[in-house]
PDB file of all heavy atoms in Angstrom:
ATOM      1  N   ALA A   1       1.570 -14.342  -2.037  1.00  0.00           N
ATOM      2  CA  ALA A   1       1.596 -13.306  -3.084  1.00  0.00           C
ATOM      3  C   ALA A   1       2.879 -12.470  -2.985  1.00  0.00           C
ATOM      4  O   ALA A   1       3.273 -12.043  -1.903  1.00  0.00           O
ATOM      5  CB  ALA A   1       0.380 -12.386  -2.941  1.00  0.00           C
ATOM      6  N   ASN A   2       3.526 -12.282  -4.138  1.00  0.00           N
ATOM      7  CA  ASN A   2       4.645 -11.329  -4.184  1.00  0.00           C
ATOM      8  C   ASN A   2       4.393 -10.264  -5.244  1.00  0.00           C
ATOM      9  O   ASN A   2       5.214  -9.399  -5.479  1.00  0.00           O
ATOM     10  CB  ASN A   2       5.986 -12.039  -4.391  1.00  0.00           C
ATOM     11  CG  ASN A   2       5.994 -12.941  -5.612  1.00  0.00           C
ATOM     12  OD1 ASN A   2       6.053 -12.466  -6.737  1.00  0.00           O
ATOM     13  ND2 ASN A   2       5.930 -14.259  -5.396  1.00  0.00           N
ATOM     14  N   LEU A   3       3.214 -10.337  -5.892  1.00  0.00           N
ATOM     15  CA  LEU A   3       2.712  -9.253  -6.731  1.00  0.00           C
ATOM     16  C   LEU A   3       1.322  -8.929  -6.178  1.00  0.00           C
ATOM     17  O   LEU A   3       0.436  -9.776  -6.195  1.00  0.00           O
ATOM     18  CB  LEU A   3       2.629  -9.676  -8.192  1.00  0.00           C
ATOM     19  CG  LEU A   3       2.328  -8.565  -9.228  1.00  0.00           C
ATOM     20  CD1 LEU A   3       2.652  -9.039 -10.634  1.00  0.00           C
ATOM     21  CD2 LEU A   3       0.891  -8.073  -9.195  1.00  0.00           C
ATOM     22  N   LEU A   4       1.168  -7.729  -5.660  1.00  0.00           N
ATOM     23  CA  LEU A   4      -0.059  -7.349  -4.976  1.00  0.00           C
ATOM     24  C   LEU A   4      -0.795  -6.275  -5.774  1.00  0.00           C
ATOM     25  O   LEU A   4      -0.222  -5.246  -6.130  1.00  0.00           O
ATOM     26  CB  LEU A   4       0.279  -6.820  -3.584  1.00  0.00           C
ATOM     27  CG  LEU A   4      -0.827  -6.779  -2.533  1.00  0.00           C
ATOM     28  CD1 LEU A   4      -1.400  -8.166  -2.284  1.00  0.00           C
ATOM     29  CD2 LEU A   4      -0.294  -6.199  -1.222  1.00  0.00           C
ATOM     30  N   ILE A   5      -2.080  -6.537  -6.076  1.00  0.00           N
ATOM     31  CA  ILE A   5      -2.930  -5.568  -6.775  1.00  0.00           C
ATOM     32  C   ILE A   5      -3.845  -4.922  -5.741  1.00  0.00           C
ATOM     33  O   ILE A   5      -4.516  -5.628  -4.987  1.00  0.00           O
ATOM     34  CB  ILE A   5      -3.799  -6.259  -7.851  1.00  0.00           C
ATOM     35  CG1 ILE A   5      -2.939  -7.054  -8.830  1.00  0.00           C
ATOM     36  CG2 ILE A   5      -4.659  -5.232  -8.588  1.00  0.00           C
ATOM     37  CD1 ILE A   5      -3.738  -8.084  -9.637  1.00  0.00           C
ATOM     38  N   LEU A   6      -3.868  -3.600  -5.682  1.00  0.00           N
ATOM     39  CA  LEU A   6      -4.766  -2.896  -4.767  1.00  0.00           C
ATOM     40  C   LEU A   6      -5.702  -2.006  -5.572  1.00  0.00           C
ATOM     41  O   LEU A   6      -5.252  -1.124  -6.311  1.00  0.00           O
ATOM     42  CB  LEU A   6      -3.973  -2.055  -3.765  1.00  0.00           C
ATOM     43  CG  LEU A   6      -3.147  -2.885  -2.776  1.00  0.00           C
ATOM     44  CD1 LEU A   6      -1.667  -2.786  -3.120  1.00  0.00           C
ATOM     45  CD2 LEU A   6      -3.355  -2.423  -1.352  1.00  0.00           C
ATOM     46  N   ASP A   7      -7.012  -2.257  -5.434  1.00  0.00           N
ATOM     47  CA  ASP A   7      -8.027  -1.527  -6.197  1.00  0.00           C
ATOM     48  C   ASP A   7      -8.568  -0.366  -5.357  1.00  0.00           C
ATOM     49  O   ASP A   7      -9.273  -0.595  -4.373  1.00  0.00           O
ATOM     50  CB  ASP A   7      -9.161  -2.484  -6.584  1.00  0.00           C
ATOM     51  CG  ASP A   7     -10.170  -1.845  -7.529  1.00  0.00           C
ATOM     52  OD1 ASP A   7     -10.007  -0.651  -7.867  1.00  0.00           O
ATOM     53  OD2 ASP A   7     -11.136  -2.520  -7.926  1.00  0.00           O
ATOM     54  N   GLU A   8      -8.222   0.860  -5.741  1.00  0.00           N
ATOM     55  CA  GLU A   8      -8.662   2.070  -5.023  1.00  0.00           C
ATOM     56  C   GLU A   8      -8.472   1.888  -3.512  1.00  0.00           C
ATOM     57  O   GLU A   8      -9.421   2.002  -2.730  1.00  0.00           O
ATOM     58  CB  GLU A   8     -10.142   2.371  -5.327  1.00  0.00           C
ATOM     59  CG  GLU A   8     -10.465   2.572  -6.789  1.00  0.00           C
ATOM     60  CD  GLU A   8      -9.966   3.913  -7.328  1.00  0.00           C
ATOM     61  OE1 GLU A   8      -9.326   4.676  -6.574  1.00  0.00           O
ATOM     62  OE2 GLU A   8     -10.198   4.191  -8.508  1.00  0.00           O
ATOM     63  N   PRO A   9      -7.237   1.647  -3.055  1.00  0.00           N
ATOM     64  CA  PRO A   9      -7.041   1.255  -1.649  1.00  0.00           C
ATOM     65  C   PRO A   9      -7.362   2.349  -0.639  1.00  0.00           C
ATOM     66  O   PRO A   9      -7.636   2.060   0.516  1.00  0.00           O
ATOM     67  CB  PRO A   9      -5.560   0.883  -1.584  1.00  0.00           C
ATOM     68  CG  PRO A   9      -4.932   1.651  -2.695  1.00  0.00           C
ATOM     69  CD  PRO A   9      -5.956   1.696  -3.780  1.00  0.00           C
ATOM     70  N   THR A  10      -7.326   3.628  -1.058  1.00  0.00           N
ATOM     71  CA  THR A  10      -7.566   4.700  -0.084  1.00  0.00           C
ATOM     72  C   THR A  10      -8.956   5.319  -0.223  1.00  0.00           C
ATOM     73  O   THR A  10      -9.247   6.324   0.434  1.00  0.00           O
ATOM     74  CB  THR A  10      -6.502   5.808  -0.228  1.00  0.00           C
ATOM     75  OG1 THR A  10      -6.606   6.375  -1.531  1.00  0.00           O
ATOM     76  CG2 THR A  10      -5.108   5.270  -0.020  1.00  0.00           C
ATOM     77  N   ALA A  11      -9.820   4.720  -1.052  1.00  0.00           N
ATOM     78  CA  ALA A  11     -11.144   5.316  -1.301  1.00  0.00           C
ATOM     79  C   ALA A  11     -11.964   5.464  -0.028  1.00  0.00           C
ATOM     80  O   ALA A  11     -12.750   6.394   0.106  1.00  0.00           O
ATOM     81  CB  ALA A  11     -11.915   4.482  -2.326  1.00  0.00           C
ATOM     82  N   VAL A  12     -11.788   4.527   0.922  1.00  0.00           N
ATOM     83  CA  VAL A  12     -12.606   4.576   2.145  1.00  0.00           C
ATOM     84  C   VAL A  12     -11.761   4.814   3.397  1.00  0.00           C
ATOM     85  O   VAL A  12     -12.220   4.583   4.508  1.00  0.00           O
ATOM     86  CB  VAL A  12     -13.426   3.271   2.308  1.00  0.00           C
ATOM     87  CG1 VAL A  12     -14.505   3.173   1.260  1.00  0.00           C
ATOM     88  CG2 VAL A  12     -12.518   2.047   2.232  1.00  0.00           C
ATOM     89  N   LEU A  13     -10.523   5.314   3.209  1.00  0.00           N
ATOM     90  CA  LEU A  13      -9.640   5.545   4.352  1.00  0.00           C
ATOM     91  C   LEU A  13      -9.605   7.020   4.742  1.00  0.00           C
ATOM     92  O   LEU A  13      -9.807   7.897   3.922  1.00  0.00           O
ATOM     93  CB  LEU A  13      -8.210   5.084   4.026  1.00  0.00           C
ATOM     94  CG  LEU A  13      -8.005   3.616   3.647  1.00  0.00           C
ATOM     95  CD1 LEU A  13      -6.518   3.326   3.527  1.00  0.00           C
ATOM     96  CD2 LEU A  13      -8.632   2.672   4.661  1.00  0.00           C
ATOM     97  N   THR A  14      -9.319   7.261   6.016  1.00  0.00           N
ATOM     98  CA  THR A  14      -9.096   8.635   6.469  1.00  0.00           C
ATOM     99  C   THR A  14      -7.721   9.080   5.956  1.00  0.00           C
ATOM    100  O   THR A  14      -6.890   8.238   5.574  1.00  0.00           O
ATOM    101  CB  THR A  14      -9.090   8.708   8.007  1.00  0.00           C
ATOM    102  OG1 THR A  14      -7.958   7.965   8.488  1.00  0.00           O
ATOM    103  CG2 THR A  14     -10.361   8.142   8.610  1.00  0.00           C
ATOM    104  N   PRO A  15      -7.440  10.409   5.952  1.00  0.00           N
ATOM    105  CA  PRO A  15      -6.113  10.871   5.514  1.00  0.00           C
ATOM    106  C   PRO A  15      -4.973  10.208   6.299  1.00  0.00           C
ATOM    107  O   PRO A  15      -3.943   9.859   5.733  1.00  0.00           O
ATOM    108  CB  PRO A  15      -6.168  12.382   5.777  1.00  0.00           C
ATOM    109  CG  PRO A  15      -7.622  12.728   5.676  1.00  0.00           C
ATOM    110  CD  PRO A  15      -8.348  11.535   6.233  1.00  0.00           C
ATOM    111  N   GLN A  16      -5.182  10.013   7.619  1.00  0.00           N
ATOM    112  CA  GLN A  16      -4.138   9.388   8.436  1.00  0.00           C
ATOM    113  C   GLN A  16      -3.913   7.942   8.014  1.00  0.00           C
ATOM    114  O   GLN A  16      -2.769   7.491   7.883  1.00  0.00           O
ATOM    115  CB  GLN A  16      -4.540   9.421   9.923  1.00  0.00           C
ATOM    116  CG  GLN A  16      -4.585  10.812  10.517  1.00  0.00           C
ATOM    117  CD  GLN A  16      -5.944  11.481  10.344  1.00  0.00           C
ATOM    118  OE1 GLN A  16      -6.706  11.130   9.450  1.00  0.00           O
ATOM    119  NE2 GLN A  16      -6.249  12.454  11.186  1.00  0.00           N
ATOM    120  N   GLU A  17      -4.999   7.185   7.781  1.00  0.00           N
ATOM    121  CA  GLU A  17      -4.876   5.787   7.360  1.00  0.00           C
ATOM    122  C   GLU A  17      -4.234   5.693   5.983  1.00  0.00           C
ATOM    123  O   GLU A  17      -3.453   4.773   5.711  1.00  0.00           O
ATOM    124  CB  GLU A  17      -6.252   5.118   7.350  1.00  0.00           C
ATOM    125  CG  GLU A  17      -6.812   4.837   8.734  1.00  0.00           C
ATOM    126  CD  GLU A  17      -8.259   4.363   8.710  1.00  0.00           C
ATOM    127  OE1 GLU A  17      -9.004   4.737   7.780  1.00  0.00           O
ATOM    128  OE2 GLU A  17      -8.649   3.633   9.628  1.00  0.00           O
ATOM    129  N   SER A  18      -4.541   6.662   5.104  1.00  0.00           N
ATOM    130  CA  SER A  18      -3.943   6.678   3.763  1.00  0.00           C
ATOM    131  C   SER A  18      -2.433   6.843   3.853  1.00  0.00           C
ATOM    132  O   SER A  18      -1.671   6.166   3.152  1.00  0.00           O
ATOM    133  CB  SER A  18      -4.530   7.820   2.925  1.00  0.00           C
ATOM    134  OG  SER A  18      -5.906   7.618   2.714  1.00  0.00           O
ATOM    135  N   ASN A  19      -1.969   7.747   4.727  1.00  0.00           N
ATOM    136  CA  ASN A  19      -0.523   7.961   4.899  1.00  0.00           C
ATOM    137  C   ASN A  19       0.156   6.703   5.439  1.00  0.00           C
ATOM    138  O   ASN A  19       1.254   6.345   5.004  1.00  0.00           O
ATOM    139  CB  ASN A  19      -0.268   9.138   5.857  1.00  0.00           C
ATOM    140  CG  ASN A  19      -0.703  10.465   5.249  1.00  0.00           C
ATOM    141  OD1 ASN A  19      -0.771  10.601   4.026  1.00  0.00           O
ATOM    142  ND2 ASN A  19      -1.018  11.438   6.082  1.00  0.00           N
ATOM    143  N   GLU A  20      -0.514   6.017   6.373  1.00  0.00           N
ATOM    144  CA  GLU A  20       0.038   4.765   6.919  1.00  0.00           C
ATOM    145  C   GLU A  20       0.158   3.703   5.823  1.00  0.00           C
ATOM    146  O   GLU A  20       1.141   2.967   5.749  1.00  0.00           O
ATOM    147  CB  GLU A  20      -0.848   4.236   8.045  1.00  0.00           C
ATOM    148  CG  GLU A  20      -0.753   5.038   9.336  1.00  0.00           C
ATOM    149  CD  GLU A  20      -1.797   4.625  10.372  1.00  0.00           C
ATOM    150  OE1 GLU A  20      -2.427   3.559  10.181  1.00  0.00           O
ATOM    151  OE2 GLU A  20      -1.979   5.363  11.349  1.00  0.00           O
ATOM    152  N   LEU A  21      -0.863   3.638   4.954  1.00  0.00           N
ATOM    153  CA  LEU A  21      -0.849   2.650   3.868  1.00  0.00           C
ATOM    154  C   LEU A  21       0.290   2.935   2.888  1.00  0.00           C
ATOM    155  O   LEU A  21       0.970   2.013   2.430  1.00  0.00           O
ATOM    156  CB  LEU A  21      -2.190   2.649   3.129  1.00  0.00           C
ATOM    157  CG  LEU A  21      -2.279   1.649   1.972  1.00  0.00           C
ATOM    158  CD1 LEU A  21      -2.302   0.215   2.484  1.00  0.00           C
ATOM    159  CD2 LEU A  21      -3.503   1.909   1.114  1.00  0.00           C
ATOM    160  N   ILE A  22       0.516   4.208   2.569  1.00  0.00           N
ATOM    161  CA  ILE A  22       1.596   4.581   1.651  1.00  0.00           C
ATOM    162  C   ILE A  22       2.945   4.117   2.203  1.00  0.00           C
ATOM    163  O   ILE A  22       3.767   3.533   1.476  1.00  0.00           O
ATOM    164  CB  ILE A  22       1.580   6.107   1.391  1.00  0.00           C
ATOM    165  CG1 ILE A  22       0.384   6.465   0.491  1.00  0.00           C
ATOM    166  CG2 ILE A  22       2.884   6.575   0.743  1.00  0.00           C
ATOM    167  CD1 ILE A  22       0.106   7.954   0.377  1.00  0.00           C
ATOM    168  N   LEU A  23       3.178   4.345   3.500  1.00  0.00           N
ATOM    169  CA  LEU A  23       4.437   3.907   4.129  1.00  0.00           C
ATOM    170  C   LEU A  23       4.565   2.389   4.086  1.00  0.00           C
ATOM    171  O   LEU A  23       5.638   1.848   3.819  1.00  0.00           O
ATOM    172  CB  LEU A  23       4.500   4.403   5.583  1.00  0.00           C
ATOM    173  CG  LEU A  23       4.643   5.920   5.772  1.00  0.00           C
ATOM    174  CD1 LEU A  23       4.519   6.287   7.242  1.00  0.00           C
ATOM    175  CD2 LEU A  23       5.982   6.401   5.221  1.00  0.00           C
ATOM    176  N   LEU A  24       3.452   1.699   4.333  1.00  0.00           N
ATOM    177  CA  LEU A  24       3.436   0.235   4.316  1.00  0.00           C
ATOM    178  C   LEU A  24       3.791  -0.299   2.925  1.00  0.00           C
ATOM    179  O   LEU A  24       4.616  -1.205   2.775  1.00  0.00           O
ATOM    180  CB  LEU A  24       2.059  -0.271   4.739  1.00  0.00           C
ATOM    181  CG  LEU A  24       1.745  -1.746   4.478  1.00  0.00           C
ATOM    182  CD1 LEU A  24       2.648  -2.633   5.325  1.00  0.00           C
ATOM    183  CD2 LEU A  24       0.291  -2.049   4.755  1.00  0.00           C
ATOM    184  N   LEU A  25       3.179   0.268   1.884  1.00  0.00           N
ATOM    185  CA  LEU A  25       3.419  -0.206   0.520  1.00  0.00           C
ATOM    186  C   LEU A  25       4.861   0.077   0.080  1.00  0.00           C
ATOM    187  O   LEU A  25       5.472  -0.726  -0.624  1.00  0.00           O
ATOM    188  CB  LEU A  25       2.425   0.438  -0.448  1.00  0.00           C
ATOM    189  CG  LEU A  25       0.947   0.056  -0.238  1.00  0.00           C
ATOM    190  CD1 LEU A  25       0.061   0.740  -1.260  1.00  0.00           C
ATOM    191  CD2 LEU A  25       0.740  -1.460  -0.302  1.00  0.00           C
ATOM    192  N   LYS A  26       5.409   1.219   0.518  1.00  0.00           N
ATOM    193  CA  LYS A  26       6.821   1.520   0.207  1.00  0.00           C
ATOM    194  C   LYS A  26       7.731   0.481   0.852  1.00  0.00           C
ATOM    195  O   LYS A  26       8.697   0.013   0.245  1.00  0.00           O
ATOM    196  CB  LYS A  26       7.173   2.926   0.719  1.00  0.00           C
ATOM    197  CG  LYS A  26       6.702   4.046  -0.197  1.00  0.00           C
ATOM    198  CD  LYS A  26       7.145   5.400   0.326  1.00  0.00           C
ATOM    199  CE  LYS A  26       6.793   6.503  -0.663  1.00  0.00           C
ATOM    200  NZ  LYS A  26       7.102   7.843  -0.144  1.00  0.00           N
ATOM    201  N   ASN A  27       7.408   0.113   2.095  1.00  0.00           N
ATOM    202  CA  ASN A  27       8.184  -0.898   2.813  1.00  0.00           C
ATOM    203  C   ASN A  27       8.118  -2.240   2.083  1.00  0.00           C
ATOM    204  O   ASN A  27       9.130  -2.936   1.926  1.00  0.00           O
ATOM    205  CB  ASN A  27       7.637  -1.018   4.249  1.00  0.00           C
ATOM    206  CG  ASN A  27       8.387  -2.061   5.071  1.00  0.00           C
ATOM    207  OD1 ASN A  27       9.564  -2.315   4.841  1.00  0.00           O
ATOM    208  ND2 ASN A  27       7.700  -2.669   6.023  1.00  0.00           N
ATOM    209  N   MET A  28       6.916  -2.592   1.592  1.00  0.00           N
ATOM    210  CA  MET A  28       6.745  -3.864   0.883  1.00  0.00           C
ATOM    211  C   MET A  28       7.528  -3.884  -0.422  1.00  0.00           C
ATOM    212  O   MET A  28       8.144  -4.899  -0.772  1.00  0.00           O
ATOM    213  CB  MET A  28       5.261  -4.117   0.610  1.00  0.00           C
ATOM    214  CG  MET A  28       4.472  -4.454   1.872  1.00  0.00           C
ATOM    215  SD  MET A  28       2.702  -4.609   1.559  1.00  0.00           S
ATOM    216  CE  MET A  28       2.681  -6.069   0.545  1.00  0.00           C
ATOM    217  N   SER A  29       7.513  -2.768  -1.164  1.00  0.00           N
ATOM    218  CA  SER A  29       8.247  -2.730  -2.440  1.00  0.00           C
ATOM    219  C   SER A  29       9.760  -2.760  -2.197  1.00  0.00           C
ATOM    220  O   SER A  29      10.507  -3.371  -2.958  1.00  0.00           O
ATOM    221  CB  SER A  29       7.857  -1.490  -3.253  1.00  0.00           C
ATOM    222  OG  SER A  29       8.334  -0.317  -2.663  1.00  0.00           O
ATOM    223  N   ASN A  30      10.217  -2.142  -1.090  1.00  0.00           N
ATOM    224  CA  ASN A  30      11.646  -2.166  -0.749  1.00  0.00           C
ATOM    225  C   ASN A  30      12.118  -3.589  -0.448  1.00  0.00           C
ATOM    226  O   ASN A  30      13.301  -3.892  -0.577  1.00  0.00           O
ATOM    227  CB  ASN A  30      11.932  -1.274   0.467  1.00  0.00           C
ATOM    228  CG  ASN A  30      11.799   0.205   0.134  1.00  0.00           C
ATOM    229  OD1 ASN A  30      11.888   0.587  -1.038  1.00  0.00           O
ATOM    230  ND2 ASN A  30      11.575   1.039   1.135  1.00  0.00           N
ATOM    231  N   GLN A  31      11.176  -4.451  -0.028  1.00  0.00           N
ATOM    232  CA  GLN A  31      11.522  -5.846   0.254  1.00  0.00           C
ATOM    233  C   GLN A  31      11.316  -6.751  -0.960  1.00  0.00           C
ATOM    234  O   GLN A  31      11.280  -7.974  -0.839  1.00  0.00           O
ATOM    235  CB  GLN A  31      10.697  -6.341   1.448  1.00  0.00           C
ATOM    236  CG  GLN A  31      11.028  -5.587   2.741  1.00  0.00           C
ATOM    237  CD  GLN A  31      10.454  -6.248   3.973  1.00  0.00           C
ATOM    238  OE1 GLN A  31      10.488  -7.465   4.108  1.00  0.00           O
ATOM    239  NE2 GLN A  31       9.925  -5.457   4.886  1.00  0.00           N
ATOM    240  N   GLY A  32      11.160  -6.138  -2.157  1.00  0.00           N
ATOM    241  CA  GLY A  32      11.139  -6.917  -3.396  1.00  0.00           C
ATOM    242  C   GLY A  32       9.783  -7.294  -3.935  1.00  0.00           C
ATOM    243  O   GLY A  32       9.674  -7.976  -4.950  1.00  0.00           O
ATOM    244  N   ASN A  33       8.698  -6.875  -3.250  1.00  0.00           N
ATOM    245  CA  ASN A  33       7.356  -7.175  -3.750  1.00  0.00           C
ATOM    246  C   ASN A  33       6.964  -6.181  -4.843  1.00  0.00           C
ATOM    247  O   ASN A  33       7.265  -4.983  -4.750  1.00  0.00           O
ATOM    248  CB  ASN A  33       6.331  -7.090  -2.612  1.00  0.00           C
ATOM    249  CG  ASN A  33       6.530  -8.194  -1.595  1.00  0.00           C
ATOM    250  OD1 ASN A  33       6.178  -9.334  -1.814  1.00  0.00           O
ATOM    251  ND2 ASN A  33       7.134  -7.849  -0.460  1.00  0.00           N
ATOM    252  N   SER A  34       6.288  -6.671  -5.866  1.00  0.00           N
ATOM    253  CA  SER A  34       5.761  -5.798  -6.926  1.00  0.00           C
ATOM    254  C   SER A  34       4.344  -5.373  -6.541  1.00  0.00           C
ATOM    255  O   SER A  34       3.592  -6.176  -5.997  1.00  0.00           O
ATOM    256  CB  SER A  34       5.721  -6.529  -8.263  1.00  0.00           C
ATOM    257  OG  SER A  34       6.984  -7.084  -8.551  1.00  0.00           O
ATOM    258  N   ILE A  35       4.002  -4.130  -6.840  1.00  0.00           N
ATOM    259  CA  ILE A  35       2.680  -3.614  -6.464  1.00  0.00           C
ATOM    260  C   ILE A  35       2.052  -2.897  -7.648  1.00  0.00           C
ATOM    261  O   ILE A  35       2.710  -2.096  -8.321  1.00  0.00           O
ATOM    262  CB  ILE A  35       2.781  -2.656  -5.255  1.00  0.00           C
ATOM    263  CG1 ILE A  35       3.235  -3.436  -4.006  1.00  0.00           C
ATOM    264  CG2 ILE A  35       1.444  -1.966  -4.973  1.00  0.00           C
ATOM    265  CD1 ILE A  35       3.682  -2.576  -2.859  1.00  0.00           C
TER     266      ILE A  35
END
């Protein structure tokens, strides 16, 4: 996959896990993946 769909990805995450996910998704988009 180079186009990733995430459905309510932080609905069940803690605030700390949500921040980690945001950094991860930014890293993925910087490498050319569409989100």
